[in-house]
Amino acid sequence: MNQGLHYYLKRRVFKLSRIDNRSTKEISQQLNISEKAVEYHITQSLKSMRFSSKGILLLLTFLFFQILNFFHFSLG
């Protein structure tokens, strides 16, 4: 499958599922794909969000300690 189409489909399925509260069956009928494909795209979206969240949390932790060090040495 074309990578751009795969990305679009993953986003579309996730939006219909999580934002529009559509069932797997409704999404599969609307997009003319199997229910298994809908489940696959939802799973992939959640995995990529989990991975992104870990990176963001790591960055925020790093920045937090940098700010603490800055104030510790600036004020101390």
PDB file of N, CA and C in Angstrom:
ATOM      1  N   MET A   1       0.846  -1.176   0.000  1.00  0.00           N
ATOM      2  CA  MET A   1       0.000   0.000   0.000  1.00  0.00           C
ATOM      3  C   MET A   1       0.894   1.243   0.000  1.00  0.00           C
ATOM      4  N   ASN A   2       0.463   2.253  -0.708  1.00  0.00           N
ATOM      5  CA  ASN A   2       1.187   3.516  -0.755  1.00  0.00           C
ATOM      6  C   ASN A   2       1.321   4.076   0.664  1.00  0.00           C
ATOM      7  N   GLN A   3       2.519   4.531   1.006  1.00  0.00           N
ATOM      8  CA  GLN A   3       2.780   4.995   2.373  1.00  0.00           C
ATOM      9  C   GLN A   3       1.910   6.196   2.743  1.00  0.00           C
ATOM     10  N   GLY A   4       1.698   7.109   1.803  1.00  0.00           N
ATOM     11  CA  GLY A   4       0.850   8.269   2.067  1.00  0.00           C
ATOM     12  C   GLY A   4      -0.586   7.870   2.332  1.00  0.00           C
ATOM     13  N   LEU A   5      -1.079   6.909   1.558  1.00  0.00           N
ATOM     14  CA  LEU A   5      -2.443   6.416   1.744  1.00  0.00           C
ATOM     15  C   LEU A   5      -2.576   5.709   3.091  1.00  0.00           C
ATOM     16  N   HIS A   6      -1.564   4.930   3.437  1.00  0.00           N
ATOM     17  CA  HIS A   6      -1.562   4.218   4.723  1.00  0.00           C
ATOM     18  C   HIS A   6      -1.627   5.221   5.881  1.00  0.00           C
ATOM     19  N   TYR A   7      -0.839   6.273   5.800  1.00  0.00           N
ATOM     20  CA  TYR A   7      -0.819   7.308   6.838  1.00  0.00           C
ATOM     21  C   TYR A   7      -2.186   7.990   6.931  1.00  0.00           C
ATOM     22  N   TYR A   8      -2.757   8.346   5.782  1.00  0.00           N
ATOM     23  CA  TYR A   8      -4.068   9.000   5.758  1.00  0.00           C
ATOM     24  C   TYR A   8      -5.126   8.095   6.379  1.00  0.00           C
ATOM     25  N   LEU A   9      -5.109   6.827   5.991  1.00  0.00           N
ATOM     26  CA  LEU A   9      -6.099   5.877   6.479  1.00  0.00           C
ATOM     27  C   LEU A   9      -5.984   5.695   7.994  1.00  0.00           C
ATOM     28  N   LYS A  10      -4.753   5.615   8.487  1.00  0.00           N
ATOM     29  CA  LYS A  10      -4.525   5.463   9.930  1.00  0.00           C
ATOM     30  C   LYS A  10      -5.097   6.658  10.692  1.00  0.00           C
ATOM     31  N   ARG A  11      -4.848   7.851  10.197  1.00  0.00           N
ATOM     32  CA  ARG A  11      -5.369   9.063  10.840  1.00  0.00           C
ATOM     33  C   ARG A  11      -6.890   9.124  10.767  1.00  0.00           C
ATOM     34  N   ARG A  12      -7.430   8.786   9.613  1.00  0.00           N
ATOM     35  CA  ARG A  12      -8.886   8.834   9.404  1.00  0.00           C
ATOM     36  C   ARG A  12      -9.598   7.839  10.324  1.00  0.00           C
ATOM     37  N   VAL A  13      -9.073   6.621  10.381  1.00  0.00           N
ATOM     38  CA  VAL A  13      -9.664   5.592  11.239  1.00  0.00           C
ATOM     39  C   VAL A  13      -9.605   6.027  12.697  1.00  0.00           C
ATOM     40  N   PHE A  14      -8.472   6.554  13.121  1.00  0.00           N
ATOM     41  CA  PHE A  14      -8.328   6.983  14.511  1.00  0.00           C
ATOM     42  C   PHE A  14      -9.321   8.094  14.844  1.00  0.00           C
ATOM     43  N   LYS A  15      -9.458   9.067  13.955  1.00  0.00           N
ATOM     44  CA  LYS A  15     -10.398  10.169  14.176  1.00  0.00           C
ATOM     45  C   LYS A  15     -11.824   9.645  14.291  1.00  0.00           C
ATOM     46  N   LEU A  16     -12.217   8.786  13.369  1.00  0.00           N
ATOM     47  CA  LEU A  16     -13.575   8.243  13.406  1.00  0.00           C
ATOM     48  C   LEU A  16     -13.816   7.445  14.683  1.00  0.00           C
ATOM     49  N   SER A  17     -12.808   6.718  15.122  1.00  0.00           N
ATOM     50  CA  SER A  17     -12.947   5.873  16.303  1.00  0.00           C
ATOM     51  C   SER A  17     -12.948   6.678  17.597  1.00  0.00           C
ATOM     52  N   ARG A  18     -11.939   7.483  17.789  1.00  0.00           N
ATOM     53  CA  ARG A  18     -11.746   8.136  19.082  1.00  0.00           C
ATOM     54  C   ARG A  18     -12.437   9.489  19.211  1.00  0.00           C
ATOM     55  N   ILE A  19     -12.549  10.225  18.134  1.00  0.00           N
ATOM     56  CA  ILE A  19     -13.150  11.556  18.209  1.00  0.00           C
ATOM     57  C   ILE A  19     -14.640  11.508  17.875  1.00  0.00           C
ATOM     58  N   ASP A  20     -14.977  10.774  16.815  1.00  0.00           N
ATOM     59  CA  ASP A  20     -16.379  10.686  16.391  1.00  0.00           C
ATOM     60  C   ASP A  20     -17.131   9.529  17.043  1.00  0.00           C
ATOM     61  N   ASN A  21     -16.427   8.734  17.851  1.00  0.00           N
ATOM     62  CA  ASN A  21     -17.020   7.605  18.584  1.00  0.00           C
ATOM     63  C   ASN A  21     -17.773   6.616  17.701  1.00  0.00           C
ATOM     64  N   ARG A  22     -17.210   6.331  16.544  1.00  0.00           N
ATOM     65  CA  ARG A  22     -17.818   5.341  15.646  1.00  0.00           C
ATOM     66  C   ARG A  22     -17.333   3.948  16.015  1.00  0.00           C
ATOM     67  N   SER A  23     -18.168   2.967  15.778  1.00  0.00           N
ATOM     68  CA  SER A  23     -17.782   1.580  16.047  1.00  0.00           C
ATOM     69  C   SER A  23     -16.874   1.071  14.927  1.00  0.00           C
ATOM     70  N   THR A  24     -16.209  -0.029  15.205  1.00  0.00           N
ATOM     71  CA  THR A  24     -15.340  -0.652  14.205  1.00  0.00           C
ATOM     72  C   THR A  24     -16.140  -1.002  12.955  1.00  0.00           C
ATOM     73  N   LYS A  25     -17.323  -1.519  13.162  1.00  0.00           N
ATOM     74  CA  LYS A  25     -18.179  -1.901  12.034  1.00  0.00           C
ATOM     75  C   LYS A  25     -18.579  -0.680  11.203  1.00  0.00           C
ATOM     76  N   GLU A  26     -18.958   0.408  11.861  1.00  0.00           N
ATOM     77  CA  GLU A  26     -19.339   1.630  11.140  1.00  0.00           C
ATOM     78  C   GLU A  26     -18.170   2.178  10.325  1.00  0.00           C
ATOM     79  N   ILE A  27     -16.989   2.172  10.921  1.00  0.00           N
ATOM     80  CA  ILE A  27     -15.803   2.683  10.222  1.00  0.00           C
ATOM     81  C   ILE A  27     -15.486   1.814   9.018  1.00  0.00           C
ATOM     82  N   SER A  28     -15.543   0.508   9.203  1.00  0.00           N
ATOM     83  CA  SER A  28     -15.225  -0.398   8.092  1.00  0.00           C
ATOM     84  C   SER A  28     -16.203  -0.215   6.941  1.00  0.00           C
ATOM     85  N   GLN A  29     -17.469   0.002   7.249  1.00  0.00           N
ATOM     86  CA  GLN A  29     -18.459   0.224   6.194  1.00  0.00           C
ATOM     87  C   GLN A  29     -18.248   1.566   5.508  1.00  0.00           C
ATOM     88  N   GLN A  30     -17.951   2.601   6.288  1.00  0.00           N
ATOM     89  CA  GLN A  30     -17.764   3.936   5.723  1.00  0.00           C
ATOM     90  C   GLN A  30     -16.539   4.001   4.815  1.00  0.00           C
ATOM     91  N   LEU A  31     -15.443   3.353   5.230  1.00  0.00           N
ATOM     92  CA  LEU A  31     -14.196   3.426   4.465  1.00  0.00           C
ATOM     93  C   LEU A  31     -14.012   2.254   3.506  1.00  0.00           C
ATOM     94  N   ASN A  32     -14.964   1.317   3.542  1.00  0.00           N
ATOM     95  CA  ASN A  32     -14.918   0.142   2.670  1.00  0.00           C
ATOM     96  C   ASN A  32     -13.639  -0.680   2.884  1.00  0.00           C
ATOM     97  N   ILE A  33     -13.321  -0.908   4.156  1.00  0.00           N
ATOM     98  CA  ILE A  33     -12.205  -1.776   4.525  1.00  0.00           C
ATOM     99  C   ILE A  33     -12.715  -2.774   5.562  1.00  0.00           C
ATOM    100  N   SER A  34     -11.961  -3.818   5.810  1.00  0.00           N
ATOM    101  CA  SER A  34     -12.404  -4.840   6.761  1.00  0.00           C
ATOM    102  C   SER A  34     -12.322  -4.321   8.197  1.00  0.00           C
ATOM    103  N   GLU A  35     -13.074  -4.974   9.066  1.00  0.00           N
ATOM    104  CA  GLU A  35     -13.023  -4.609  10.483  1.00  0.00           C
ATOM    105  C   GLU A  35     -11.637  -4.885  11.060  1.00  0.00           C
ATOM    106  N   LYS A  36     -10.981  -5.928  10.576  1.00  0.00           N
ATOM    107  CA  LYS A  36      -9.609  -6.233  11.021  1.00  0.00           C
ATOM    108  C   LYS A  36      -8.664  -5.098  10.635  1.00  0.00           C
ATOM    109  N   ALA A  37      -8.863  -4.521   9.447  1.00  0.00           N
ATOM    110  CA  ALA A  37      -8.025  -3.398   9.012  1.00  0.00           C
ATOM    111  C   ALA A  37      -8.255  -2.188   9.914  1.00  0.00           C
ATOM    112  N   VAL A  38      -9.494  -1.963  10.300  1.00  0.00           N
ATOM    113  CA  VAL A  38      -9.812  -0.859  11.214  1.00  0.00           C
ATOM    114  C   VAL A  38      -9.090  -1.071  12.544  1.00  0.00           C
ATOM    115  N   GLU A  39      -9.184  -2.275  13.087  1.00  0.00           N
ATOM    116  CA  GLU A  39      -8.513  -2.588  14.351  1.00  0.00           C
ATOM    117  C   GLU A  39      -7.003  -2.410  14.231  1.00  0.00           C
ATOM    118  N   TYR A  40      -6.447  -2.837  13.100  1.00  0.00           N
ATOM    119  CA  TYR A  40      -5.010  -2.703  12.862  1.00  0.00           C
ATOM    120  C   TYR A  40      -4.603  -1.224  12.887  1.00  0.00           C
ATOM    121  N   HIS A  41      -5.346  -0.379  12.185  1.00  0.00           N
ATOM    122  CA  HIS A  41      -4.993   1.041  12.112  1.00  0.00           C
ATOM    123  C   HIS A  41      -5.128   1.727  13.474  1.00  0.00           C
ATOM    124  N   ILE A  42      -6.129   1.346  14.244  1.00  0.00           N
ATOM    125  CA  ILE A  42      -6.281   1.914  15.588  1.00  0.00           C
ATOM    126  C   ILE A  42      -5.099   1.500  16.463  1.00  0.00           C
ATOM    127  N   THR A  43      -4.736   0.226  16.398  1.00  0.00           N
ATOM    128  CA  THR A  43      -3.600  -0.281  17.178  1.00  0.00           C
ATOM    129  C   THR A  43      -2.312   0.434  16.797  1.00  0.00           C
ATOM    130  N   GLN A  44      -2.076   0.606  15.499  1.00  0.00           N
ATOM    131  CA  GLN A  44      -0.864   1.282  15.044  1.00  0.00           C
ATOM    132  C   GLN A  44      -0.840   2.739  15.505  1.00  0.00           C
ATOM    133  N   SER A  45      -1.984   3.400  15.466  1.00  0.00           N
ATOM    134  CA  SER A  45      -2.059   4.791  15.931  1.00  0.00           C
ATOM    135  C   SER A  45      -1.717   4.894  17.410  1.00  0.00           C
ATOM    136  N   LEU A  46      -2.288   3.998  18.201  1.00  0.00           N
ATOM    137  CA  LEU A  46      -2.025   4.022  19.642  1.00  0.00           C
ATOM    138  C   LEU A  46      -0.565   3.722  19.953  1.00  0.00           C
ATOM    139  N   LYS A  47       0.029   2.784  19.212  1.00  0.00           N
ATOM    140  CA  LYS A  47       1.450   2.471  19.424  1.00  0.00           C
ATOM    141  C   LYS A  47       2.323   3.669  19.107  1.00  0.00           C
ATOM    142  N   SER A  48       2.044   4.350  17.996  1.00  0.00           N
ATOM    143  CA  SER A  48       2.882   5.489  17.627  1.00  0.00           C
ATOM    144  C   SER A  48       2.690   6.643  18.610  1.00  0.00           C
ATOM    145  N   MET A  49       1.479   6.800  19.136  1.00  0.00           N
ATOM    146  CA  MET A  49       1.251   7.840  20.138  1.00  0.00           C
ATOM    147  C   MET A  49       1.991   7.520  21.428  1.00  0.00           C
ATOM    148  N   ARG A  50       1.997   6.257  21.813  1.00  0.00           N
ATOM    149  CA  ARG A  50       2.704   5.834  23.019  1.00  0.00           C
ATOM    150  C   ARG A  50       4.197   6.114  22.866  1.00  0.00           C
ATOM    151  N   PHE A  51       4.748   5.789  21.697  1.00  0.00           N
ATOM    152  CA  PHE A  51       6.164   6.011  21.427  1.00  0.00           C
ATOM    153  C   PHE A  51       6.476   7.504  21.467  1.00  0.00           C
ATOM    154  N   SER A  52       5.623   8.325  20.854  1.00  0.00           N
ATOM    155  CA  SER A  52       5.824   9.774  20.846  1.00  0.00           C
ATOM    156  C   SER A  52       5.742  10.346  22.251  1.00  0.00           C
ATOM    157  N   SER A  53       4.811   9.837  23.041  1.00  0.00           N
ATOM    158  CA  SER A  53       4.637  10.330  24.412  1.00  0.00           C
ATOM    159  C   SER A  53       5.880  10.085  25.252  1.00  0.00           C
ATOM    160  N   LYS A  54       6.517   8.927  25.057  1.00  0.00           N
ATOM    161  CA  LYS A  54       7.735   8.627  25.820  1.00  0.00           C
ATOM    162  C   LYS A  54       8.835   9.614  25.474  1.00  0.00           C
ATOM    163  N   GLY A  55       8.962   9.957  24.206  1.00  0.00           N
ATOM    164  CA  GLY A  55       9.976  10.919  23.785  1.00  0.00           C
ATOM    165  C   GLY A  55       9.721  12.299  24.353  1.00  0.00           C
ATOM    166  N   ILE A  56       8.472  12.697  24.355  1.00  0.00           N
ATOM    167  CA  ILE A  56       8.108  14.004  24.897  1.00  0.00           C
ATOM    168  C   ILE A  56       8.356  14.042  26.401  1.00  0.00           C
ATOM    169  N   LEU A  57       7.995  12.977  27.093  1.00  0.00           N
ATOM    170  CA  LEU A  57       8.223  12.913  28.538  1.00  0.00           C
ATOM    171  C   LEU A  57       9.716  12.992  28.862  1.00  0.00           C
ATOM    172  N   LEU A  58      10.528  12.304  28.089  1.00  0.00           N
ATOM    173  CA  LEU A  58      11.972  12.347  28.286  1.00  0.00           C
ATOM    174  C   LEU A  58      12.503  13.763  28.071  1.00  0.00           C
ATOM    175  N   LEU A  59      12.033  14.425  27.030  1.00  0.00           N
ATOM    176  CA  LEU A  59      12.458  15.794  26.748  1.00  0.00           C
ATOM    177  C   LEU A  59      12.034  16.742  27.868  1.00  0.00           C
ATOM    178  N   LEU A  60      10.804  16.620  28.331  1.00  0.00           N
ATOM    179  CA  LEU A  60      10.328  17.486  29.412  1.00  0.00           C
ATOM    180  C   LEU A  60      11.109  17.260  30.705  1.00  0.00           C
ATOM    181  N   THR A  61      11.437  16.013  30.987  1.00  0.00           N
ATOM    182  CA  THR A  61      12.236  15.705  32.178  1.00  0.00           C
ATOM    183  C   THR A  61      13.612  16.353  32.072  1.00  0.00           C
ATOM    184  N   PHE A  62      14.234  16.227  30.906  1.00  0.00           N
ATOM    185  CA  PHE A  62      15.542  16.830  30.677  1.00  0.00           C
ATOM    186  C   PHE A  62      15.476  18.344  30.865  1.00  0.00           C
ATOM    187  N   LEU A  63      14.468  18.983  30.261  1.00  0.00           N
ATOM    188  CA  LEU A  63      14.329  20.433  30.373  1.00  0.00           C
ATOM    189  C   LEU A  63      14.071  20.866  31.815  1.00  0.00           C
ATOM    190  N   PHE A  64      13.278  20.097  32.524  1.00  0.00           N
ATOM    191  CA  PHE A  64      12.990  20.402  33.924  1.00  0.00           C
ATOM    192  C   PHE A  64      14.281  20.449  34.739  1.00  0.00           C
ATOM    193  N   PHE A  65      15.131  19.445  34.562  1.00  0.00           N
ATOM    194  CA  PHE A  65      16.378  19.412  35.325  1.00  0.00           C
ATOM    195  C   PHE A  65      17.357  20.485  34.860  1.00  0.00           C
ATOM    196  N   GLN A  66      17.315  20.846  33.600  1.00  0.00           N
ATOM    197  CA  GLN A  66      18.154  21.941  33.120  1.00  0.00           C
ATOM    198  C   GLN A  66      17.729  23.256  33.773  1.00  0.00           C
ATOM    199  N   ILE A  67      16.432  23.462  33.880  1.00  0.00           N
ATOM    200  CA  ILE A  67      15.919  24.681  34.518  1.00  0.00           C
ATOM    201  C   ILE A  67      16.278  24.698  36.002  1.00  0.00           C
ATOM    202  N   LEU A  68      16.140  23.550  36.666  1.00  0.00           N
ATOM    203  CA  LEU A  68      16.528  23.479  38.082  1.00  0.00           C
ATOM    204  C   LEU A  68      18.000  23.814  38.262  1.00  0.00           C
ATOM    205  N   ASN A  69      18.848  23.252  37.420  1.00  0.00           N
ATOM    206  CA  ASN A  69      20.282  23.544  37.499  1.00  0.00           C
ATOM    207  C   ASN A  69      20.556  25.014  37.248  1.00  0.00           C
ATOM    208  N   PHE A  70      19.867  25.600  36.294  1.00  0.00           N
ATOM    209  CA  PHE A  70      20.055  27.011  35.976  1.00  0.00           C
ATOM    210  C   PHE A  70      19.746  27.877  37.195  1.00  0.00           C
ATOM    211  N   PHE A  71      18.599  27.638  37.823  1.00  0.00           N
ATOM    212  CA  PHE A  71      18.219  28.440  38.984  1.00  0.00           C
ATOM    213  C   PHE A  71      19.099  28.145  40.192  1.00  0.00           C
ATOM    214  N   HIS A  72      19.525  26.913  40.329  1.00  0.00           N
ATOM    215  CA  HIS A  72      20.394  26.550  41.445  1.00  0.00           C
ATOM    216  C   HIS A  72      21.709  27.327  41.368  1.00  0.00           C
ATOM    217  N   PHE A  73      22.299  27.383  40.170  1.00  0.00           N
ATOM    218  CA  PHE A  73      23.582  28.072  40.020  1.00  0.00           C
ATOM    219  C   PHE A  73      23.412  29.584  39.901  1.00  0.00           C
ATOM    220  N   SER A  74      22.271  30.042  39.416  1.00  0.00           N
ATOM    221  CA  SER A  74      22.039  31.481  39.275  1.00  0.00           C
ATOM    222  C   SER A  74      21.732  32.141  40.613  1.00  0.00           C
ATOM    223  N   LEU A  75      20.965  31.443  41.429  1.00  0.00           N
ATOM    224  CA  LEU A  75      20.533  32.033  42.696  1.00  0.00           C
ATOM    225  C   LEU A  75      21.440  31.659  43.862  1.00  0.00           C
ATOM    226  N   GLY A  76      22.221  30.602  43.682  1.00  0.00           N
ATOM    227  CA  GLY A  76      23.024  30.113  44.799  1.00  0.00           C
ATOM    228  C   GLY A  76      24.351  30.659  44.811  1.00  0.00           C
TER     229      GLY A  76
END
